[in-house]
Amino acid sequence: MTTETFSQPCPKCKEGVVSYVEKLNAVLCSNGKKCGFSVFDKQRGKELSKENMIALAKGEKIGPFADLKNKDGVTYSAELKMDETFKVIPVFAPKK
């Protein structure tokens, strides 16, 4: 399994090292199920690039994306970021 290690500890457990796992097309913590930190390529109907998954793992916002989808399949525009529980969530532009 090919991995690419980052130079930072896992943002969730603070002990493991976050890596990109090519076979799974995901960013995972080296502590595995003990920690559970992960960023997968499919987010809200959008397939993310390796660079976007790494940016999310580093706590950065990515986007904006105009082709995200909600549970009902409705398309919307937003940026994506990780919240304090390490889930990927949309960030909507402020209404004018």
Protein backbone atom coordinates (compact mmCIF):
# COMPACT_ATOMS: atom_id res chain seq x y z
CA MET A 1 0.00 0.00 0.00
CA THR A 2 1.50 3.34 -1.06
CA THR A 3 1.32 6.12 1.52
CA GLU A 4 2.45 9.73 1.60
CA THR A 5 3.22 11.00 5.10
CA PHE A 6 2.56 14.58 6.15
CA SER A 7 4.79 16.45 8.53
CA GLN A 8 2.11 16.92 11.18
CA PRO A 9 0.50 14.76 13.84
CA CYS A 10 -3.08 13.62 13.48
CA PRO A 11 -5.43 16.55 14.24
CA LYS A 12 -7.80 14.22 16.14
CA CYS A 13 -5.66 11.96 18.37
CA LYS A 14 -2.47 14.09 18.28
CA GLU A 15 -0.41 10.85 18.42
CA GLY A 16 -0.63 9.24 14.99
CA VAL A 17 0.67 10.53 11.67
CA VAL A 18 -1.77 11.43 8.91
CA SER A 19 -1.04 9.77 5.55
CA TYR A 20 -2.57 9.55 2.09
CA VAL A 21 -3.30 5.89 1.27
CA GLU A 22 -3.38 5.51 -2.50
CA LYS A 23 -5.13 2.10 -2.54
CA LEU A 24 -8.07 3.51 -0.56
CA ASN A 25 -7.87 7.02 -2.06
CA ALA A 26 -8.19 8.42 1.45
CA VAL A 27 -6.28 10.28 4.16
CA LEU A 28 -6.03 8.18 7.34
CA CYS A 29 -4.41 8.31 10.78
CA SER A 30 -1.66 5.75 11.47
CA ASN A 31 -3.50 4.83 14.70
CA GLY A 32 -6.26 3.27 12.56
CA LYS A 33 -9.47 2.32 14.35
CA LYS A 34 -8.06 3.47 17.70
CA CYS A 35 -8.31 7.04 16.37
CA GLY A 36 -10.67 6.82 13.39
CA PHE A 37 -9.55 10.02 11.63
CA SER A 38 -10.26 9.81 7.90
CA VAL A 39 -10.96 11.93 4.85
CA PHE A 40 -12.33 10.01 1.86
CA ASP A 41 -12.47 11.19 -1.73
CA LYS A 42 -16.28 11.22 -2.03
CA GLN A 43 -17.78 14.22 -0.21
CA ARG A 44 -21.31 15.48 -0.81
CA GLY A 45 -21.49 14.05 -4.32
CA LYS A 46 -18.08 15.43 -5.29
CA GLU A 47 -14.91 13.44 -5.90
CA LEU A 48 -12.05 15.26 -4.19
CA SER A 49 -8.46 15.31 -5.39
CA LYS A 50 -5.61 14.01 -3.25
CA GLU A 51 -4.54 17.65 -2.71
CA ASN A 52 -8.02 18.61 -1.48
CA MET A 53 -8.15 15.68 0.97
CA ILE A 54 -4.73 16.65 2.33
CA ALA A 55 -5.83 20.30 2.69
CA LEU A 56 -8.92 19.21 4.69
CA ALA A 57 -6.73 17.04 6.94
CA LYS A 58 -4.54 20.10 7.59
CA GLY A 59 -7.61 22.09 8.69
CA GLU A 60 -7.88 24.21 5.54
CA LYS A 61 -11.05 25.20 3.69
CA ILE A 62 -11.31 24.02 0.10
CA GLY A 63 -13.45 25.24 -2.78
CA PRO A 64 -15.81 26.82 -3.49
CA PHE A 65 -17.47 24.01 -5.40
CA ALA A 66 -20.58 24.66 -7.49
CA ASP A 67 -21.58 21.00 -7.82
CA LEU A 68 -22.05 19.66 -4.28
CA LYS A 69 -25.21 17.64 -3.55
CA ASN A 70 -27.34 17.19 -0.44
CA LYS A 71 -29.05 13.93 0.63
CA ASP A 72 -31.94 14.62 -1.75
CA GLY A 73 -29.62 15.19 -4.72
CA VAL A 74 -30.15 18.95 -4.81
CA THR A 75 -27.04 20.75 -6.12
CA TYR A 76 -25.57 23.69 -4.21
CA SER A 77 -22.39 25.78 -3.95
CA ALA A 78 -20.15 25.91 -0.89
CA GLU A 79 -16.64 25.52 0.41
CA LEU A 80 -15.78 22.45 2.51
CA LYS A 81 -13.95 22.23 5.84
CA MET A 82 -13.61 19.92 8.85
CA ASP A 83 -15.62 20.83 11.91
CA GLU A 84 -14.57 20.34 15.55
CA THR A 85 -15.76 16.70 15.45
CA PHE A 86 -13.60 16.02 12.34
CA LYS A 87 -16.51 15.70 9.92
CA VAL A 88 -16.42 17.41 6.52
CA ILE A 89 -19.10 20.11 6.39
CA PRO A 90 -20.17 22.78 3.88
CA VAL A 91 -19.38 26.45 4.48
CA PHE A 92 -21.80 28.73 2.65
CA ALA A 93 -20.92 32.21 1.45
CA PRO A 94 -22.57 34.96 3.54
CA LYS A 95 -25.80 36.27 2.07
CA LYS A 96 -25.53 39.78 0.68
